[in-house]
Amino acid sequence: MFYTVEQHKICARHIAFFLSVILIFVGSITIASMNAGPIILGTEMNDNGRVEYLCLGNGCEDFTVMRWNDQ
């Protein structure tokens, strides 16, 4: 099956459009996550009273105070 030049141009436009949509989506998620504060995904208190946590985002290295509000 042979494609015409016009069909190749249409296909290239479709590919370019969807790649630009994906690029905008990934870029917006990246910018949003870079501007987010620390997001705590999970915590665990050890027997010695120390807290281990899984953190994402900016400021996780400075996040040293853990408050247990659910007690």
PDB file of N, CA and C in Angstrom:
ATOM      1  N   MET A   1       0.851  -1.165   0.000  1.00  0.00           N
ATOM      2  CA  MET A   1       0.000   0.000   0.000  1.00  0.00           C
ATOM      3  C   MET A   1       0.903   1.236   0.000  1.00  0.00           C
ATOM      4  N   PHE A   2       0.646   2.114  -0.909  1.00  0.00           N
ATOM      5  CA  PHE A   2       1.444   3.331  -1.038  1.00  0.00           C
ATOM      6  C   PHE A   2       0.647   4.527  -0.522  1.00  0.00           C
ATOM      7  N   TYR A   3       1.349   5.416   0.160  1.00  0.00           N
ATOM      8  CA  TYR A   3       0.734   6.628   0.684  1.00  0.00           C
ATOM      9  C   TYR A   3       1.155   7.811  -0.168  1.00  0.00           C
ATOM     10  N   THR A   4       0.242   8.744  -0.276  1.00  0.00           N
ATOM     11  CA  THR A   4       0.571   9.954  -1.017  1.00  0.00           C
ATOM     12  C   THR A   4       1.305  10.932  -0.104  1.00  0.00           C
ATOM     13  N   VAL A   5       1.859  11.956  -0.697  1.00  0.00           N
ATOM     14  CA  VAL A   5       2.579  12.970   0.075  1.00  0.00           C
ATOM     15  C   VAL A   5       1.621  13.680   1.021  1.00  0.00           C
ATOM     16  N   GLU A   6       0.407  13.907   0.577  1.00  0.00           N
ATOM     17  CA  GLU A   6      -0.584  14.591   1.424  1.00  0.00           C
ATOM     18  C   GLU A   6      -0.941  13.737   2.645  1.00  0.00           C
ATOM     19  N   GLN A   7      -1.047  12.426   2.461  1.00  0.00           N
ATOM     20  CA  GLN A   7      -1.339  11.548   3.594  1.00  0.00           C
ATOM     21  C   GLN A   7      -0.182  11.537   4.592  1.00  0.00           C
ATOM     22  N   HIS A   8       1.048  11.608   4.122  1.00  0.00           N
ATOM     23  CA  HIS A   8       2.206  11.679   5.010  1.00  0.00           C
ATOM     24  C   HIS A   8       2.197  12.976   5.805  1.00  0.00           C
ATOM     25  N   LYS A   9       1.803  14.081   5.159  1.00  0.00           N
ATOM     26  CA  LYS A   9       1.745  15.366   5.850  1.00  0.00           C
ATOM     27  C   LYS A   9       0.681  15.347   6.939  1.00  0.00           C
ATOM     28  N   ILE A  10      -0.467  14.753   6.640  1.00  0.00           N
ATOM     29  CA  ILE A  10      -1.540  14.664   7.627  1.00  0.00           C
ATOM     30  C   ILE A  10      -1.094  13.803   8.808  1.00  0.00           C
ATOM     31  N   CYS A  11      -0.454  12.699   8.524  1.00  0.00           N
ATOM     32  CA  CYS A  11       0.041  11.813   9.586  1.00  0.00           C
ATOM     33  C   CYS A  11       1.100  12.528  10.432  1.00  0.00           C
ATOM     34  N   ALA A  12       1.970  13.275   9.799  1.00  0.00           N
ATOM     35  CA  ALA A  12       3.004  14.017  10.532  1.00  0.00           C
ATOM     36  C   ALA A  12       2.373  15.085  11.411  1.00  0.00           C
ATOM     37  N   ARG A  13       1.314  15.742  10.947  1.00  0.00           N
ATOM     38  CA  ARG A  13       0.621  16.739  11.762  1.00  0.00           C
ATOM     39  C   ARG A  13      -0.032  16.098  12.980  1.00  0.00           C
ATOM     40  N   HIS A  14      -0.632  14.936  12.783  1.00  0.00           N
ATOM     41  CA  HIS A  14      -1.268  14.239  13.901  1.00  0.00           C
ATOM     42  C   HIS A  14      -0.221  13.835  14.939  1.00  0.00           C
ATOM     43  N   ILE A  15       0.877  13.306  14.493  1.00  0.00           N
ATOM     44  CA  ILE A  15       1.945  12.897  15.413  1.00  0.00           C
ATOM     45  C   ILE A  15       2.496  14.111  16.148  1.00  0.00           C
ATOM     46  N   ALA A  16       2.718  15.203  15.444  1.00  0.00           N
ATOM     47  CA  ALA A  16       3.235  16.420  16.080  1.00  0.00           C
ATOM     48  C   ALA A  16       2.251  16.962  17.112  1.00  0.00           C
ATOM     49  N   PHE A  17       0.971  16.920  16.805  1.00  0.00           N
ATOM     50  CA  PHE A  17      -0.038  17.405  17.749  1.00  0.00           C
ATOM     51  C   PHE A  17      -0.039  16.575  19.018  1.00  0.00           C
ATOM     52  N   PHE A  18      -0.081  15.253  18.888  1.00  0.00           N
ATOM     53  CA  PHE A  18      -0.134  14.406  20.068  1.00  0.00           C
ATOM     54  C   PHE A  18       1.172  14.461  20.867  1.00  0.00           C
ATOM     55  N   LEU A  19       2.298  14.597  20.215  1.00  0.00           N
ATOM     56  CA  LEU A  19       3.557  14.752  20.943  1.00  0.00           C
ATOM     57  C   LEU A  19       3.596  16.075  21.703  1.00  0.00           C
ATOM     58  N   SER A  20       3.048  17.130  21.120  1.00  0.00           N
ATOM     59  CA  SER A  20       3.017  18.411  21.827  1.00  0.00           C
ATOM     60  C   SER A  20       2.072  18.359  23.021  1.00  0.00           C
ATOM     61  N   VAL A  21       0.952  17.661  22.901  1.00  0.00           N
ATOM     62  CA  VAL A  21       0.037  17.508  24.038  1.00  0.00           C
ATOM     63  C   VAL A  21       0.717  16.737  25.160  1.00  0.00           C
ATOM     64  N   ILE A  22       1.409  15.666  24.817  1.00  0.00           N
ATOM     65  CA  ILE A  22       2.127  14.879  25.825  1.00  0.00           C
ATOM     66  C   ILE A  22       3.228  15.710  26.471  1.00  0.00           C
ATOM     67  N   LEU A  23       3.950  16.493  25.682  1.00  0.00           N
ATOM     68  CA  LEU A  23       5.015  17.343  26.214  1.00  0.00           C
ATOM     69  C   LEU A  23       4.459  18.398  27.175  1.00  0.00           C
ATOM     70  N   ILE A  24       3.341  19.008  26.834  1.00  0.00           N
ATOM     71  CA  ILE A  24       2.717  19.993  27.719  1.00  0.00           C
ATOM     72  C   ILE A  24       2.246  19.326  29.006  1.00  0.00           C
ATOM     73  N   PHE A  25       1.679  18.141  28.907  1.00  0.00           N
ATOM     74  CA  PHE A  25       1.200  17.414  30.085  1.00  0.00           C
ATOM     75  C   PHE A  25       2.353  17.061  31.014  1.00  0.00           C
ATOM     76  N   VAL A  26       3.418  16.507  30.475  1.00  0.00           N
ATOM     77  CA  VAL A  26       4.584  16.137  31.290  1.00  0.00           C
ATOM     78  C   VAL A  26       5.245  17.383  31.878  1.00  0.00           C
ATOM     79  N   GLY A  27       5.341  18.448  31.100  1.00  0.00           N
ATOM     80  CA  GLY A  27       5.927  19.684  31.601  1.00  0.00           C
ATOM     81  C   GLY A  27       5.129  20.290  32.740  1.00  0.00           C
ATOM     82  N   SER A  28       3.809  20.285  32.628  1.00  0.00           N
ATOM     83  CA  SER A  28       2.990  20.855  33.697  1.00  0.00           C
ATOM     84  C   SER A  28       3.076  20.017  34.972  1.00  0.00           C
ATOM     85  N   ILE A  29       3.140  18.707  34.842  1.00  0.00           N
ATOM     86  CA  ILE A  29       3.303  17.856  36.021  1.00  0.00           C
ATOM     87  C   ILE A  29       4.669  18.092  36.661  1.00  0.00           C
ATOM     88  N   THR A  30       5.701  18.257  35.847  1.00  0.00           N
ATOM     89  CA  THR A  30       7.040  18.513  36.369  1.00  0.00           C
ATOM     90  C   THR A  30       7.089  19.839  37.114  1.00  0.00           C
ATOM     91  N   ILE A  31       6.526  20.879  36.538  1.00  0.00           N
ATOM     92  CA  ILE A  31       6.527  22.194  37.192  1.00  0.00           C
ATOM     93  C   ILE A  31       5.712  22.152  38.477  1.00  0.00           C
ATOM     94  N   ALA A  32       4.578  21.470  38.463  1.00  0.00           N
ATOM     95  CA  ALA A  32       3.755  21.382  39.670  1.00  0.00           C
ATOM     96  C   ALA A  32       4.476  20.630  40.782  1.00  0.00           C
ATOM     97  N   SER A  33       5.169  19.554  40.446  1.00  0.00           N
ATOM     98  CA  SER A  33       5.873  18.789  41.483  1.00  0.00           C
ATOM     99  C   SER A  33       7.089  19.536  41.997  1.00  0.00           C
ATOM    100  N   MET A  34       7.725  20.362  41.160  1.00  0.00           N
ATOM    101  CA  MET A  34       8.876  21.139  41.625  1.00  0.00           C
ATOM    102  C   MET A  34       8.437  22.239  42.589  1.00  0.00           C
ATOM    103  N   ASN A  35       7.231  22.750  42.441  1.00  0.00           N
ATOM    104  CA  ASN A  35       6.748  23.811  43.308  1.00  0.00           C
ATOM    105  C   ASN A  35       5.999  23.298  44.528  1.00  0.00           C
ATOM    106  N   ALA A  36       5.810  22.010  44.616  1.00  0.00           N
ATOM    107  CA  ALA A  36       5.089  21.439  45.755  1.00  0.00           C
ATOM    108  C   ALA A  36       6.017  21.317  46.955  1.00  0.00           C
ATOM    109  N   GLY A  37       5.432  21.404  48.120  1.00  0.00           N
ATOM    110  CA  GLY A  37       6.187  21.182  49.347  1.00  0.00           C
ATOM    111  C   GLY A  37       6.396  19.697  49.553  1.00  0.00           C
ATOM    112  N   PRO A  38       6.911  19.324  50.712  1.00  0.00           N
ATOM    113  CA  PRO A  38       7.119  17.894  50.963  1.00  0.00           C
ATOM    114  C   PRO A  38       5.788  17.145  51.046  1.00  0.00           C
ATOM    115  N   ILE A  39       5.731  16.036  50.360  1.00  0.00           N
ATOM    116  CA  ILE A  39       4.541  15.185  50.367  1.00  0.00           C
ATOM    117  C   ILE A  39       4.920  13.893  51.073  1.00  0.00           C
ATOM    118  N   ILE A  40       4.315  13.641  52.214  1.00  0.00           N
ATOM    119  CA  ILE A  40       4.617  12.449  53.002  1.00  0.00           C
ATOM    120  C   ILE A  40       3.725  11.314  52.511  1.00  0.00           C
ATOM    121  N   LEU A  41       4.359  10.260  52.007  1.00  0.00           N
ATOM    122  CA  LEU A  41       3.607   9.119  51.495  1.00  0.00           C
ATOM    123  C   LEU A  41       3.333   8.074  52.571  1.00  0.00           C
ATOM    124  N   GLY A  42       4.229   7.964  53.535  1.00  0.00           N
ATOM    125  CA  GLY A  42       4.040   6.977  54.581  1.00  0.00           C
ATOM    126  C   GLY A  42       4.981   7.236  55.740  1.00  0.00           C
ATOM    127  N   THR A  43       4.562   6.849  56.943  1.00  0.00           N
ATOM    128  CA  THR A  43       5.385   7.024  58.135  1.00  0.00           C
ATOM    129  C   THR A  43       5.382   5.738  58.943  1.00  0.00           C
ATOM    130  N   GLU A  44       6.412   5.610  59.776  1.00  0.00           N
ATOM    131  CA  GLU A  44       6.495   4.466  60.667  1.00  0.00           C
ATOM    132  C   GLU A  44       7.308   4.884  61.878  1.00  0.00           C
ATOM    133  N   MET A  45       6.768   4.634  63.082  1.00  0.00           N
ATOM    134  CA  MET A  45       7.503   4.940  64.302  1.00  0.00           C
ATOM    135  C   MET A  45       8.180   3.664  64.786  1.00  0.00           C
ATOM    136  N   ASN A  46       9.487   3.751  64.979  1.00  0.00           N
ATOM    137  CA  ASN A  46      10.257   2.611  65.458  1.00  0.00           C
ATOM    138  C   ASN A  46      10.092   2.439  66.965  1.00  0.00           C
ATOM    139  N   ASP A  47      10.648   1.340  67.491  1.00  0.00           N
ATOM    140  CA  ASP A  47      10.567   1.076  68.928  1.00  0.00           C
ATOM    141  C   ASP A  47      11.327   2.109  69.749  1.00  0.00           C
ATOM    142  N   ASN A  48      12.376   2.696  69.180  1.00  0.00           N
ATOM    143  CA  ASN A  48      13.158   3.674  69.923  1.00  0.00           C
ATOM    144  C   ASN A  48      12.555   5.080  69.837  1.00  0.00           C
ATOM    145  N   GLY A  49      11.414   5.238  69.232  1.00  0.00           N
ATOM    146  CA  GLY A  49      10.741   6.527  69.162  1.00  0.00           C
ATOM    147  C   GLY A  49      11.094   7.359  67.937  1.00  0.00           C
ATOM    148  N   ARG A  50      11.985   6.877  67.114  1.00  0.00           N
ATOM    149  CA  ARG A  50      12.355   7.617  65.907  1.00  0.00           C
ATOM    150  C   ARG A  50      11.362   7.322  64.798  1.00  0.00           C
ATOM    151  N   VAL A  51      11.176   8.301  63.927  1.00  0.00           N
ATOM    152  CA  VAL A  51      10.201   8.174  62.858  1.00  0.00           C
ATOM    153  C   VAL A  51      10.928   8.026  61.527  1.00  0.00           C
ATOM    154  N   GLU A  52      10.522   7.048  60.751  1.00  0.00           N
ATOM    155  CA  GLU A  52      10.992   6.901  59.379  1.00  0.00           C
ATOM    156  C   GLU A  52       9.833   7.274  58.468  1.00  0.00           C
ATOM    157  N   TYR A  53      10.134   7.975  57.386  1.00  0.00           N
ATOM    158  CA  TYR A  53       9.060   8.389  56.493  1.00  0.00           C
ATOM    159  C   TYR A  53       9.550   8.376  55.058  1.00  0.00           C
ATOM    160  N   LEU A  54       8.596   8.215  54.156  1.00  0.00           N
ATOM    161  CA  LEU A  54       8.841   8.279  52.721  1.00  0.00           C
ATOM    162  C   LEU A  54       8.281   9.601  52.227  1.00  0.00           C
ATOM    163  N   CYS A  55       9.152  10.439  51.669  1.00  0.00           N
ATOM    164  CA  CYS A  55       8.799  11.814  51.341  1.00  0.00           C
ATOM    165  C   CYS A  55       9.140  12.103  49.887  1.00  0.00           C
ATOM    166  N   LEU A  56       8.274  12.877  49.219  1.00  0.00           N
ATOM    167  CA  LEU A  56       8.516  13.359  47.861  1.00  0.00           C
ATOM    168  C   LEU A  56       8.392  14.875  47.834  1.00  0.00           C
ATOM    169  N   GLY A  57       9.086  15.508  46.910  1.00  0.00           N
ATOM    170  CA  GLY A  57       8.961  16.951  46.730  1.00  0.00           C
ATOM    171  C   GLY A  57      10.143  17.704  47.294  1.00  0.00           C
ATOM    172  N   ASN A  58      10.041  19.025  47.228  1.00  0.00           N
ATOM    173  CA  ASN A  58      11.098  19.890  47.744  1.00  0.00           C
ATOM    174  C   ASN A  58      10.981  20.031  49.249  1.00  0.00           C
ATOM    175  N   GLY A  59      12.102  20.100  49.924  1.00  0.00           N
ATOM    176  CA  GLY A  59      12.120  20.308  51.363  1.00  0.00           C
ATOM    177  C   GLY A  59      12.124  19.037  52.177  1.00  0.00           C
ATOM    178  N   CYS A  60      12.247  17.880  51.546  1.00  0.00           N
ATOM    179  CA  CYS A  60      12.261  16.635  52.311  1.00  0.00           C
ATOM    180  C   CYS A  60      13.519  16.515  53.165  1.00  0.00           C
ATOM    181  N   GLU A  61      14.631  17.057  52.685  1.00  0.00           N
ATOM    182  CA  GLU A  61      15.860  16.952  53.465  1.00  0.00           C
ATOM    183  C   GLU A  61      15.813  17.832  54.710  1.00  0.00           C
ATOM    184  N   ASP A  62      14.964  18.852  54.721  1.00  0.00           N
ATOM    185  CA  ASP A  62      14.822  19.722  55.884  1.00  0.00           C
ATOM    186  C   ASP A  62      13.656  19.309  56.774  1.00  0.00           C
ATOM    187  N   PHE A  63      12.955  18.281  56.399  1.00  0.00           N
ATOM    188  CA  PHE A  63      11.762  17.862  57.135  1.00  0.00           C
ATOM    189  C   PHE A  63      12.205  16.929  58.253  1.00  0.00           C
ATOM    190  N   THR A  64      12.419  17.490  59.440  1.00  0.00           N
ATOM    191  CA  THR A  64      12.912  16.682  60.567  1.00  0.00           C
ATOM    192  C   THR A  64      11.887  16.533  61.671  1.00  0.00           C
ATOM    193  N   VAL A  65      10.890  17.400  61.734  1.00  0.00           N
ATOM    194  CA  VAL A  65       9.897  17.355  62.800  1.00  0.00           C
ATOM    195  C   VAL A  65       8.683  16.567  62.309  1.00  0.00           C
ATOM    196  N   MET A  66       8.346  15.523  63.039  1.00  0.00           N
ATOM    197  CA  MET A  66       7.191  14.713  62.680  1.00  0.00           C
ATOM    198  C   MET A  66       6.183  14.825  63.807  1.00  0.00           C
ATOM    199  N   ARG A  67       4.993  15.253  63.509  1.00  0.00           N
ATOM    200  CA  ARG A  67       3.935  15.403  64.516  1.00  0.00           C
ATOM    201  C   ARG A  67       2.919  14.295  64.298  1.00  0.00           C
ATOM    202  N   TRP A  68       2.588  13.619  65.368  1.00  0.00           N
ATOM    203  CA  TRP A  68       1.569  12.562  65.314  1.00  0.00           C
ATOM    204  C   TRP A  68       0.268  13.158  65.799  1.00  0.00           C
ATOM    205  N   ASN A  69      -0.550  13.664  64.911  1.00  0.00           N
ATOM    206  CA  ASN A  69      -1.805  14.320  65.267  1.00  0.00           C
ATOM    207  C   ASN A  69      -2.936  13.330  65.459  1.00  0.00           C
ATOM    208  N   ASP A  70      -2.743  12.095  65.079  1.00  0.00           N
ATOM    209  CA  ASP A  70      -3.843  11.129  65.146  1.00  0.00           C
ATOM    210  C   ASP A  70      -3.872  10.353  66.459  1.00  0.00           C
ATOM    211  N   GLN A  71      -3.079  10.735  67.434  1.00  0.00           N
ATOM    212  CA  GLN A  71      -3.090  10.007  68.722  1.00  0.00           C
ATOM    213  C   GLN A  71      -4.144  10.560  69.644  1.00  0.00           C
TER     214      GLN A  71
END
